[in-house]
Amino acid sequence: MNPRYFGEYILGEYLGGGLYTKVYKAHSPRATAKYGNPVAIKILRWQGNFWERRRLVKQFEREAFIAMQLNHPNLVRVYNVGKFFRHYAIIMEYVPGRNLKEYLYEKQKLPFPTLLKICYQAGQGLAHIHDNFIVHKDVKPDNILVSPDFHIVKMTDFGIAKLPYRLLSKDIFPKGGTVTRYGTISYVAPEQMSGNAEFRSDIYSFGVTMDEVICAKLDIPGKNDEDYFARIDLRAQRKNSGRQPIMSADLPIPEELKKILIKATQNEPGLRHQTMHELLHDLQHFI
C-alpha cells in the first residue's frame, strides 16, 4: 500500500474518529519536521451533497481556527488546517494515550489524588479557553485526552464552540452538546438546551464530568469489582429523578468536595461558580 502524504507527513496508526472525521497518527521523514514528530491528523470525510459538504468544511475550518488561537499545556495544540489531495485536514499535537471516557469504562480504579489531579488539569485548560472568550459547549470525558501514566491531561475538540462578544461571529450550534445514548448522563446545562450557552454552561458540564470521573473510578476498598455501568446506572437514575444531588453523593469522598460538585452542577446558572477560576480556587483549596 502506498503511503498517504498530508503535506510532509505520512499517515500511520488510526486513532479514532466520528461520523465526519478520522484521526491518524502521522510522522515526517524529515529530521526537523515543521510541527514535530509525531503529530495527529484529523481528516474530514466527504459526505452528503454540495451544500452539506460546504457546511462541513466551514465547520471543520472554524474548529481549527478557534483552536489555533490557544496555547496552553492542558489543551491540544492545533498547528494548521488545509486541503491536501482533495481532503481537508487539521494537523495537531499528538497526545499518547486515550480519551478519558475510555479509561472510565475500564474496571481498574484509581487513587483519589490521581482523579483530582486529572480533573484539576482539565479545569486549567477550560479556564484558559474561557480567558480567550470562547465557550467550549461540549465538555465531557470524551474530549479530555489522558496519557497512560496520567501525567498529561489535555482538552480538545472545538467543533461546536461559541465565540461570544464577536458581533460578526454567529453561533451556528446554539443547542450543541452531549446527552449520552441511553440518557443516563447529560453534560448539557439547562440554559444550553434552550440555546443560551455561556461560560457557566461549561462549568456545569465540567462539574458533571468531575462527578462521573470520581463516581466511576474512585478506589473504594471492597467495591472495586464493579465495572463502569454498575457504578453509574443506579446513581444516575437517582440523580436524574432528584433523589440525590450528584452521582457521587453516597460515595466516601469528603463533604467539601461534594459541595464543590453540587455548586458546579446547579440548574440555575447564578447559583454555580461564576468562573472556572473560582471553581479551580475552591478545588485547589480542597486539595
C-alpha atoms as a PDB file:
ATOM      1  CA  MET A   1       0.000   0.000   0.000  1.00  0.00           C
ATOM      2  CA  ASN A   2       1.369   3.408  -0.987  1.00  0.00           C
ATOM      3  CA  PRO A   3       1.907   5.871   1.871  1.00  0.00           C
ATOM      4  CA  ARG A   4      -0.622   8.709   2.148  1.00  0.00           C
ATOM      5  CA  TYR A   5       1.044  12.098   2.483  1.00  0.00           C
ATOM      6  CA  PHE A   6      -0.553  15.147   4.072  1.00  0.00           C
ATOM      7  CA  GLY A   7       1.930  17.902   3.492  1.00  0.00           C
ATOM      8  CA  GLU A   8       5.246  16.455   4.693  1.00  0.00           C
ATOM      9  CA  TYR A   9       3.508  13.913   6.958  1.00  0.00           C
ATOM     10  CA  ILE A  10       2.698  10.266   6.283  1.00  0.00           C
ATOM     11  CA  LEU A  11      -0.400   8.747   7.821  1.00  0.00           C
ATOM     12  CA  GLY A  12       0.119   5.867  10.211  1.00  0.00           C
ATOM     13  CA  GLU A  13      -1.936   4.340  13.017  1.00  0.00           C
ATOM     14  CA  TYR A  14      -5.671   5.029  13.054  1.00  0.00           C
ATOM     15  CA  LEU A  15      -6.523   6.686  16.380  1.00  0.00           C
ATOM     16  CA  GLY A  16     -10.288   7.067  16.141  1.00  0.00           C
ATOM     17  CA  GLY A  17     -12.932   9.348  14.773  1.00  0.00           C
ATOM     18  CA  GLY A  18     -16.589  10.188  14.486  1.00  0.00           C
ATOM     19  CA  LEU A  19     -19.313  10.453  11.885  1.00  0.00           C
ATOM     20  CA  TYR A  20     -17.492  13.045   9.797  1.00  0.00           C
ATOM     21  CA  THR A  21     -13.826  12.745  10.762  1.00  0.00           C
ATOM     22  CA  LYS A  22     -10.990  10.245  11.121  1.00  0.00           C
ATOM     23  CA  VAL A  23      -7.846  10.838  13.165  1.00  0.00           C
ATOM     24  CA  TYR A  24      -4.473   9.264  12.404  1.00  0.00           C
ATOM     25  CA  LYS A  25      -1.058   9.317  13.971  1.00  0.00           C
ATOM     26  CA  ALA A  26       1.418  10.642  11.405  1.00  0.00           C
ATOM     27  CA  HIS A  27       5.138  11.202  11.108  1.00  0.00           C
ATOM     28  CA  SER A  28       7.511  13.112   8.882  1.00  0.00           C
ATOM     29  CA  PRO A  29      10.636  11.568   7.337  1.00  0.00           C
ATOM     30  CA  ARG A  30      12.435  14.899   7.747  1.00  0.00           C
ATOM     31  CA  ALA A  31      14.970  15.311  10.526  1.00  0.00           C
ATOM     32  CA  THR A  32      13.398  18.601  11.565  1.00  0.00           C
ATOM     33  CA  ALA A  33       9.664  18.277  10.941  1.00  0.00           C
ATOM     34  CA  LYS A  34       7.748  21.540  10.780  1.00  0.00           C
ATOM     35  CA  TYR A  35       5.295  20.617  13.548  1.00  0.00           C
ATOM     36  CA  GLY A  36       7.360  17.979  15.317  1.00  0.00           C
ATOM     37  CA  ASN A  37       7.155  14.181  15.283  1.00  0.00           C
ATOM     38  CA  PRO A  38       4.743  12.557  15.581  1.00  0.00           C
ATOM     39  CA  VAL A  39       1.549  14.578  15.051  1.00  0.00           C
ATOM     40  CA  ALA A  40      -2.131  13.731  14.845  1.00  0.00           C
ATOM     41  CA  ILE A  41      -4.017  14.482  11.649  1.00  0.00           C
ATOM     42  CA  LYS A  42      -7.799  14.798  11.613  1.00  0.00           C
ATOM     43  CA  ILE A  43      -9.287  14.236   8.160  1.00  0.00           C
ATOM     44  CA  LEU A  44     -12.734  15.369   7.091  1.00  0.00           C
ATOM     45  CA  ARG A  45     -14.771  12.613   5.475  1.00  0.00           C
ATOM     46  CA  TRP A  46     -16.714  13.753   2.434  1.00  0.00           C
ATOM     47  CA  GLN A  47     -20.441  13.103   2.853  1.00  0.00           C
ATOM     48  CA  GLY A  48     -23.703  14.486   1.500  1.00  0.00           C
ATOM     49  CA  ASN A  49     -24.465  16.833  -1.381  1.00  0.00           C
ATOM     50  CA  PHE A  50     -22.618  20.009  -2.358  1.00  0.00           C
ATOM     51  CA  TRP A  51     -24.298  22.219   0.236  1.00  0.00           C
ATOM     52  CA  GLU A  52     -23.842  19.684   3.041  1.00  0.00           C
ATOM     53  CA  ARG A  53     -20.174  19.323   2.187  1.00  0.00           C
ATOM     54  CA  ARG A  54     -19.775  23.079   2.124  1.00  0.00           C
ATOM     55  CA  ARG A  55     -21.291  23.313   5.619  1.00  0.00           C
ATOM     56  CA  LEU A  56     -18.986  20.547   6.879  1.00  0.00           C
ATOM     57  CA  VAL A  57     -15.897  22.291   5.508  1.00  0.00           C
ATOM     58  CA  LYS A  58     -16.959  25.590   7.085  1.00  0.00           C
ATOM     59  CA  GLN A  59     -17.468  23.879  10.448  1.00  0.00           C
ATOM     60  CA  PHE A  60     -14.165  21.997  10.134  1.00  0.00           C
ATOM     61  CA  GLU A  61     -12.164  25.134   9.354  1.00  0.00           C
ATOM     62  CA  ARG A  62     -13.958  27.028  12.111  1.00  0.00           C
ATOM     63  CA  GLU A  63     -12.926  24.377  14.665  1.00  0.00           C
ATOM     64  CA  ALA A  64      -9.298  24.654  13.566  1.00  0.00           C
ATOM     65  CA  PHE A  65      -9.167  28.451  13.589  1.00  0.00           C
ATOM     66  CA  ILE A  66     -10.642  28.582  17.104  1.00  0.00           C
ATOM     67  CA  ALA A  67      -8.130  26.048  18.430  1.00  0.00           C
ATOM     68  CA  MET A  68      -5.175  27.709  16.681  1.00  0.00           C
ATOM     69  CA  GLN A  69      -5.706  30.790  18.855  1.00  0.00           C
ATOM     70  CA  LEU A  70      -4.977  28.808  22.018  1.00  0.00           C
ATOM     71  CA  ASN A  71      -1.688  27.721  23.570  1.00  0.00           C
ATOM     72  CA  HIS A  72      -1.822  26.043  26.982  1.00  0.00           C
ATOM     73  CA  PRO A  73      -0.256  22.879  28.475  1.00  0.00           C
ATOM     74  CA  ASN A  74      -3.723  21.417  29.099  1.00  0.00           C
ATOM     75  CA  LEU A  75      -5.075  21.999  25.598  1.00  0.00           C
ATOM     76  CA  VAL A  76      -4.261  20.036  22.447  1.00  0.00           C
ATOM     77  CA  ARG A  77      -2.331  22.337  20.119  1.00  0.00           C
ATOM     78  CA  VAL A  78      -3.663  22.772  16.592  1.00  0.00           C
ATOM     79  CA  TYR A  79      -0.954  23.786  14.138  1.00  0.00           C
ATOM     80  CA  ASN A  80      -2.597  24.140  10.750  1.00  0.00           C
ATOM     81  CA  VAL A  81      -5.593  23.338   8.583  1.00  0.00           C
ATOM     82  CA  GLY A  82      -5.599  22.879   4.834  1.00  0.00           C
ATOM     83  CA  LYS A  83      -6.556  20.862   1.804  1.00  0.00           C
ATOM     84  CA  PHE A  84      -4.267  18.064   0.648  1.00  0.00           C
ATOM     85  CA  PHE A  85      -5.147  15.981  -2.423  1.00  0.00           C
ATOM     86  CA  ARG A  86      -8.855  16.931  -2.209  1.00  0.00           C
ATOM     87  CA  HIS A  87      -9.016  16.115   1.518  1.00  0.00           C
ATOM     88  CA  TYR A  88      -9.382  18.714   4.248  1.00  0.00           C
ATOM     89  CA  ALA A  89      -7.174  18.009   7.253  1.00  0.00           C
ATOM     90  CA  ILE A  90      -6.181  19.513  10.594  1.00  0.00           C
ATOM     91  CA  ILE A  91      -2.617  18.952  11.814  1.00  0.00           C
ATOM     92  CA  MET A  92      -2.418  18.926  15.607  1.00  0.00           C
ATOM     93  CA  GLU A  93      -0.404  17.781  18.581  1.00  0.00           C
ATOM     94  CA  TYR A  94      -0.215  14.037  19.157  1.00  0.00           C
ATOM     95  CA  VAL A  95      -1.114  13.029  22.706  1.00  0.00           C
ATOM     96  CA  PRO A  96      -0.106   9.485  23.731  1.00  0.00           C
ATOM     97  CA  GLY A  97      -2.952   7.695  25.448  1.00  0.00           C
ATOM     98  CA  ARG A  98      -6.717   7.756  25.086  1.00  0.00           C
ATOM     99  CA  ASN A  99      -9.703   9.897  25.875  1.00  0.00           C
ATOM    100  CA  LEU A 100     -10.876   9.881  29.478  1.00  0.00           C
ATOM    101  CA  LYS A 101     -14.161   8.121  28.668  1.00  0.00           C
ATOM    102  CA  GLU A 102     -12.245   5.039  27.564  1.00  0.00           C
ATOM    103  CA  TYR A 103     -10.423   4.959  30.893  1.00  0.00           C
ATOM    104  CA  LEU A 104     -13.746   5.251  32.736  1.00  0.00           C
ATOM    105  CA  TYR A 105     -15.058   2.100  31.074  1.00  0.00           C
ATOM    106  CA  GLU A 106     -12.182   0.053  32.487  1.00  0.00           C
ATOM    107  CA  LYS A 107     -12.678  -1.846  35.754  1.00  0.00           C
ATOM    108  CA  GLN A 108      -9.371  -0.674  37.187  1.00  0.00           C
ATOM    109  CA  LYS A 109      -9.940   2.029  39.807  1.00  0.00           C
ATOM    110  CA  LEU A 110      -7.606   4.909  40.632  1.00  0.00           C
ATOM    111  CA  PRO A 111      -6.464   6.626  43.826  1.00  0.00           C
ATOM    112  CA  PHE A 112      -8.393   9.716  44.875  1.00  0.00           C
ATOM    113  CA  PRO A 113      -5.408  12.121  44.380  1.00  0.00           C
ATOM    114  CA  THR A 114      -4.930  10.900  40.799  1.00  0.00           C
ATOM    115  CA  LEU A 115      -8.577  11.626  39.958  1.00  0.00           C
ATOM    116  CA  LEU A 116      -8.324  15.102  41.481  1.00  0.00           C
ATOM    117  CA  LYS A 117      -5.141  15.800  39.505  1.00  0.00           C
ATOM    118  CA  ILE A 118      -6.808  14.801  36.216  1.00  0.00           C
ATOM    119  CA  CYS A 119      -9.837  16.985  36.935  1.00  0.00           C
ATOM    120  CA  TYR A 120      -7.746  19.962  38.050  1.00  0.00           C
ATOM    121  CA  GLN A 121      -5.534  19.890  34.947  1.00  0.00           C
ATOM    122  CA  ALA A 122      -8.549  19.613  32.629  1.00  0.00           C
ATOM    123  CA  GLY A 123     -10.101  22.548  34.510  1.00  0.00           C
ATOM    124  CA  GLN A 124      -6.996  24.648  33.900  1.00  0.00           C
ATOM    125  CA  GLY A 125      -7.371  24.023  30.177  1.00  0.00           C
ATOM    126  CA  LEU A 126     -11.031  25.049  30.289  1.00  0.00           C
ATOM    127  CA  ALA A 127     -10.173  28.199  32.255  1.00  0.00           C
ATOM    128  CA  HIS A 128      -7.725  29.202  29.504  1.00  0.00           C
ATOM    129  CA  ILE A 129     -10.437  28.655  26.888  1.00  0.00           C
ATOM    130  CA  HIS A 130     -12.748  30.989  28.816  1.00  0.00           C
ATOM    131  CA  ASP A 131      -9.947  33.542  29.269  1.00  0.00           C
ATOM    132  CA  ASN A 132      -9.957  33.774  25.464  1.00  0.00           C
ATOM    133  CA  PHE A 133     -13.731  34.441  25.417  1.00  0.00           C
ATOM    134  CA  ILE A 134     -14.575  31.023  23.970  1.00  0.00           C
ATOM    135  CA  VAL A 135     -17.374  28.776  25.225  1.00  0.00           C
ATOM    136  CA  HIS A 136     -16.419  25.140  24.539  1.00  0.00           C
ATOM    137  CA  LYS A 137     -20.004  23.781  24.704  1.00  0.00           C
ATOM    138  CA  ASP A 138     -19.033  20.096  24.643  1.00  0.00           C
ATOM    139  CA  VAL A 139     -17.094  19.482  27.861  1.00  0.00           C
ATOM    140  CA  LYS A 140     -17.179  15.754  28.639  1.00  0.00           C
ATOM    141  CA  PRO A 141     -14.734  12.889  29.323  1.00  0.00           C
ATOM    142  CA  ASP A 142     -14.631  12.001  25.615  1.00  0.00           C
ATOM    143  CA  ASN A 143     -12.980  15.373  24.901  1.00  0.00           C
ATOM    144  CA  ILE A 144     -10.237  15.056  27.517  1.00  0.00           C
ATOM    145  CA  LEU A 145      -7.102  13.181  26.432  1.00  0.00           C
ATOM    146  CA  VAL A 146      -5.019  11.469  29.115  1.00  0.00           C
ATOM    147  CA  SER A 147      -1.634   9.751  28.856  1.00  0.00           C
ATOM    148  CA  PRO A 148      -1.192   6.201  30.234  1.00  0.00           C
ATOM    149  CA  ASP A 149       0.759   7.490  33.254  1.00  0.00           C
ATOM    150  CA  PHE A 150      -1.933  10.170  33.891  1.00  0.00           C
ATOM    151  CA  HIS A 151       0.692  12.935  33.820  1.00  0.00           C
ATOM    152  CA  ILE A 152      -0.579  14.539  30.591  1.00  0.00           C
ATOM    153  CA  VAL A 153      -4.153  15.848  30.519  1.00  0.00           C
ATOM    154  CA  LYS A 154      -5.403  17.923  27.590  1.00  0.00           C
ATOM    155  CA  MET A 155      -8.819  19.125  26.458  1.00  0.00           C
ATOM    156  CA  THR A 156      -9.699  19.006  22.783  1.00  0.00           C
ATOM    157  CA  ASP A 157     -12.480  19.327  20.161  1.00  0.00           C
ATOM    158  CA  PHE A 158     -13.828  22.795  19.363  1.00  0.00           C
ATOM    159  CA  GLY A 159     -16.308  21.549  16.765  1.00  0.00           C
ATOM    160  CA  ILE A 160     -19.308  23.386  18.260  1.00  0.00           C
ATOM    161  CA  ALA A 161     -17.532  26.097  20.280  1.00  0.00           C
ATOM    162  CA  LYS A 162     -19.069  29.551  20.607  1.00  0.00           C
ATOM    163  CA  LEU A 163     -17.275  32.870  20.221  1.00  0.00           C
ATOM    164  CA  PRO A 164     -19.118  35.410  22.388  1.00  0.00           C
ATOM    165  CA  TYR A 165     -18.725  39.197  22.110  1.00  0.00           C
ATOM    166  CA  ARG A 166     -17.918  38.969  18.423  1.00  0.00           C
ATOM    167  CA  LEU A 167     -20.815  40.546  16.583  1.00  0.00           C
ATOM    168  CA  LEU A 168     -19.923  39.054  13.212  1.00  0.00           C
ATOM    169  CA  SER A 169     -19.480  35.533  14.552  1.00  0.00           C
ATOM    170  CA  LYS A 170     -22.810  33.707  14.676  1.00  0.00           C
ATOM    171  CA  ASP A 171     -23.246  30.749  16.998  1.00  0.00           C
ATOM    172  CA  ILE A 172     -24.117  28.092  14.434  1.00  0.00           C
ATOM    173  CA  PHE A 173     -24.661  25.391  17.081  1.00  0.00           C
ATOM    174  CA  PRO A 174     -26.835  27.120  19.716  1.00  0.00           C
ATOM    175  CA  LYS A 175     -28.025  23.893  21.365  1.00  0.00           C
ATOM    176  CA  GLY A 176     -24.999  21.688  20.717  1.00  0.00           C
ATOM    177  CA  GLY A 177     -23.789  19.393  23.463  1.00  0.00           C
ATOM    178  CA  THR A 178     -23.892  15.779  24.552  1.00  0.00           C
ATOM    179  CA  VAL A 179     -26.614  13.669  26.089  1.00  0.00           C
ATOM    180  CA  THR A 180     -25.495  10.053  26.227  1.00  0.00           C
ATOM    181  CA  ARG A 181     -27.090   7.393  24.083  1.00  0.00           C
ATOM    182  CA  TYR A 182     -29.092   5.927  26.929  1.00  0.00           C
ATOM    183  CA  GLY A 183     -29.931   9.276  28.501  1.00  0.00           C
ATOM    184  CA  THR A 184     -28.094   8.247  31.664  1.00  0.00           C
ATOM    185  CA  ILE A 185     -25.775  11.241  31.875  1.00  0.00           C
ATOM    186  CA  SER A 186     -26.430  14.652  30.357  1.00  0.00           C
ATOM    187  CA  TYR A 187     -23.474  17.014  30.296  1.00  0.00           C
ATOM    188  CA  VAL A 188     -25.622  19.845  28.919  1.00  0.00           C
ATOM    189  CA  ALA A 189     -26.742  22.673  31.205  1.00  0.00           C
ATOM    190  CA  PRO A 190     -30.467  23.590  31.136  1.00  0.00           C
ATOM    191  CA  GLU A 191     -29.842  27.014  29.565  1.00  0.00           C
ATOM    192  CA  GLN A 192     -27.701  25.409  26.839  1.00  0.00           C
ATOM    193  CA  MET A 193     -30.595  23.088  25.971  1.00  0.00           C
ATOM    194  CA  SER A 194     -32.579  26.277  25.348  1.00  0.00           C
ATOM    195  CA  GLY A 195     -29.904  27.663  23.023  1.00  0.00           C
ATOM    196  CA  ASN A 196     -28.281  30.063  25.512  1.00  0.00           C
ATOM    197  CA  ALA A 197     -24.866  28.541  26.176  1.00  0.00           C
ATOM    198  CA  GLU A 198     -22.375  30.666  28.116  1.00  0.00           C
ATOM    199  CA  PHE A 199     -19.287  30.212  30.287  1.00  0.00           C
ATOM    200  CA  ARG A 200     -21.318  28.906  33.221  1.00  0.00           C
ATOM    201  CA  SER A 201     -22.774  26.240  30.923  1.00  0.00           C
ATOM    202  CA  ASP A 202     -19.255  24.834  30.530  1.00  0.00           C
ATOM    203  CA  ILE A 203     -18.862  24.950  34.311  1.00  0.00           C
ATOM    204  CA  TYR A 204     -21.993  22.808  34.638  1.00  0.00           C
ATOM    205  CA  SER A 205     -20.633  20.308  32.080  1.00  0.00           C
ATOM    206  CA  PHE A 206     -17.280  20.258  33.851  1.00  0.00           C
ATOM    207  CA  GLY A 207     -18.992  19.586  37.184  1.00  0.00           C
ATOM    208  CA  VAL A 208     -20.901  16.651  35.688  1.00  0.00           C
ATOM    209  CA  THR A 209     -17.647  15.353  34.197  1.00  0.00           C
ATOM    210  CA  MET A 210     -15.848  15.554  37.544  1.00  0.00           C
ATOM    211  CA  ASP A 211     -18.765  13.799  39.248  1.00  0.00           C
ATOM    212  CA  GLU A 212     -18.694  10.986  36.686  1.00  0.00           C
ATOM    213  CA  VAL A 213     -14.917  10.568  36.877  1.00  0.00           C
ATOM    214  CA  ILE A 214     -14.950  10.281  40.668  1.00  0.00           C
ATOM    215  CA  CYS A 215     -18.019   8.046  40.718  1.00  0.00           C
ATOM    216  CA  ALA A 216     -16.706   5.632  38.075  1.00  0.00           C
ATOM    217  CA  LYS A 217     -13.015   5.439  39.016  1.00  0.00           C
ATOM    218  CA  LEU A 218     -12.729   6.022  42.765  1.00  0.00           C
ATOM    219  CA  ASP A 219     -10.730   3.324  44.509  1.00  0.00           C
ATOM    220  CA  ILE A 220     -13.103   2.015  47.224  1.00  0.00           C
ATOM    221  CA  PRO A 221     -11.777  -0.957  49.215  1.00  0.00           C
ATOM    222  CA  GLY A 222     -14.058  -3.959  48.805  1.00  0.00           C
ATOM    223  CA  LYS A 223     -16.064  -2.430  45.945  1.00  0.00           C
ATOM    224  CA  ASN A 224     -13.602  -2.348  43.078  1.00  0.00           C
ATOM    225  CA  ASP A 225     -15.085  -5.339  41.287  1.00  0.00           C
ATOM    226  CA  GLU A 226     -17.816  -3.033  39.937  1.00  0.00           C
ATOM    227  CA  ASP A 227     -17.498  -2.008  36.315  1.00  0.00           C
ATOM    228  CA  TYR A 228     -18.413   1.434  34.972  1.00  0.00           C
ATOM    229  CA  PHE A 229     -22.099   0.746  34.429  1.00  0.00           C
ATOM    230  CA  ALA A 230     -22.581  -0.946  37.805  1.00  0.00           C
ATOM    231  CA  ARG A 231     -21.104   2.131  39.454  1.00  0.00           C
ATOM    232  CA  ILE A 232     -23.063   4.674  37.402  1.00  0.00           C
ATOM    233  CA  ASP A 233     -26.526   3.405  36.450  1.00  0.00           C
ATOM    234  CA  LEU A 234     -28.399   3.420  39.763  1.00  0.00           C
ATOM    235  CA  ARG A 235     -26.725   6.612  40.954  1.00  0.00           C
ATOM    236  CA  ALA A 236     -27.510   8.367  37.683  1.00  0.00           C
ATOM    237  CA  GLN A 237     -31.167   7.342  37.927  1.00  0.00           C
ATOM    238  CA  ARG A 238     -31.330   8.703  41.469  1.00  0.00           C
ATOM    239  CA  LYS A 239     -29.711  11.957  40.374  1.00  0.00           C
ATOM    240  CA  ASN A 240     -31.988  12.360  37.344  1.00  0.00           C
ATOM    241  CA  SER A 241     -35.088  11.777  39.499  1.00  0.00           C
ATOM    242  CA  GLY A 242     -33.952  14.337  42.086  1.00  0.00           C
ATOM    243  CA  ARG A 243     -33.292  11.844  44.880  1.00  0.00           C
ATOM    244  CA  GLN A 244     -29.616  12.799  45.199  1.00  0.00           C
ATOM    245  CA  PRO A 245     -27.806  15.945  44.022  1.00  0.00           C
ATOM    246  CA  ILE A 246     -24.751  14.297  42.419  1.00  0.00           C
ATOM    247  CA  MET A 247     -23.860  10.740  41.438  1.00  0.00           C
ATOM    248  CA  SER A 248     -21.042  10.546  43.972  1.00  0.00           C
ATOM    249  CA  ALA A 249     -23.234  11.801  46.838  1.00  0.00           C
ATOM    250  CA  ASP A 250     -23.242   8.398  48.573  1.00  0.00           C
ATOM    251  CA  LEU A 251     -19.559   7.619  47.970  1.00  0.00           C
ATOM    252  CA  PRO A 252     -16.832   8.023  50.615  1.00  0.00           C
ATOM    253  CA  ILE A 253     -15.450  11.389  49.467  1.00  0.00           C
ATOM    254  CA  PRO A 254     -15.061  14.494  51.658  1.00  0.00           C
ATOM    255  CA  GLU A 255     -18.106  16.726  52.117  1.00  0.00           C
ATOM    256  CA  GLU A 256     -16.101  19.744  50.941  1.00  0.00           C
ATOM    257  CA  LEU A 257     -15.628  18.168  47.520  1.00  0.00           C
ATOM    258  CA  LYS A 258     -19.291  17.167  47.348  1.00  0.00           C
ATOM    259  CA  LYS A 259     -20.208  20.818  47.953  1.00  0.00           C
ATOM    260  CA  ILE A 260     -17.962  21.870  45.041  1.00  0.00           C
ATOM    261  CA  LEU A 261     -19.619  19.345  42.702  1.00  0.00           C
ATOM    262  CA  ILE A 262     -23.124  20.301  43.842  1.00  0.00           C
ATOM    263  CA  LYS A 263     -22.423  24.007  43.345  1.00  0.00           C
ATOM    264  CA  ALA A 264     -20.930  23.485  39.867  1.00  0.00           C
ATOM    265  CA  THR A 265     -23.966  21.492  38.693  1.00  0.00           C
ATOM    266  CA  GLN A 266     -26.802  23.709  39.919  1.00  0.00           C
ATOM    267  CA  ASN A 267     -29.609  24.089  37.375  1.00  0.00           C
ATOM    268  CA  GLU A 268     -29.670  27.860  37.928  1.00  0.00           C
ATOM    269  CA  PRO A 269     -26.507  29.479  36.471  1.00  0.00           C
ATOM    270  CA  GLY A 270     -26.447  32.150  39.169  1.00  0.00           C
ATOM    271  CA  LEU A 271     -26.007  29.507  41.862  1.00  0.00           C
ATOM    272  CA  ARG A 272     -22.959  27.901  40.230  1.00  0.00           C
ATOM    273  CA  HIS A 273     -19.337  29.004  40.359  1.00  0.00           C
ATOM    274  CA  GLN A 274     -19.352  32.112  38.207  1.00  0.00           C
ATOM    275  CA  THR A 275     -15.952  31.471  36.600  1.00  0.00           C
ATOM    276  CA  MET A 276     -13.675  28.479  36.123  1.00  0.00           C
ATOM    277  CA  HIS A 277     -11.043  30.312  38.157  1.00  0.00           C
ATOM    278  CA  GLU A 278     -13.469  30.419  41.081  1.00  0.00           C
ATOM    279  CA  LEU A 279     -14.102  26.677  40.777  1.00  0.00           C
ATOM    280  CA  LEU A 280     -10.372  25.947  40.489  1.00  0.00           C
ATOM    281  CA  HIS A 281      -9.695  28.110  43.542  1.00  0.00           C
ATOM    282  CA  ASP A 282     -12.163  26.033  45.570  1.00  0.00           C
ATOM    283  CA  LEU A 283     -10.706  22.804  44.191  1.00  0.00           C
ATOM    284  CA  GLN A 284      -7.124  23.910  44.890  1.00  0.00           C
ATOM    285  CA  HIS A 285      -8.084  24.918  48.428  1.00  0.00           C
ATOM    286  CA  PHE A 286      -9.606  21.477  48.936  1.00  0.00           C
ATOM    287  CA  ILE A 287      -6.579  19.680  47.502  1.00  0.00           C
END
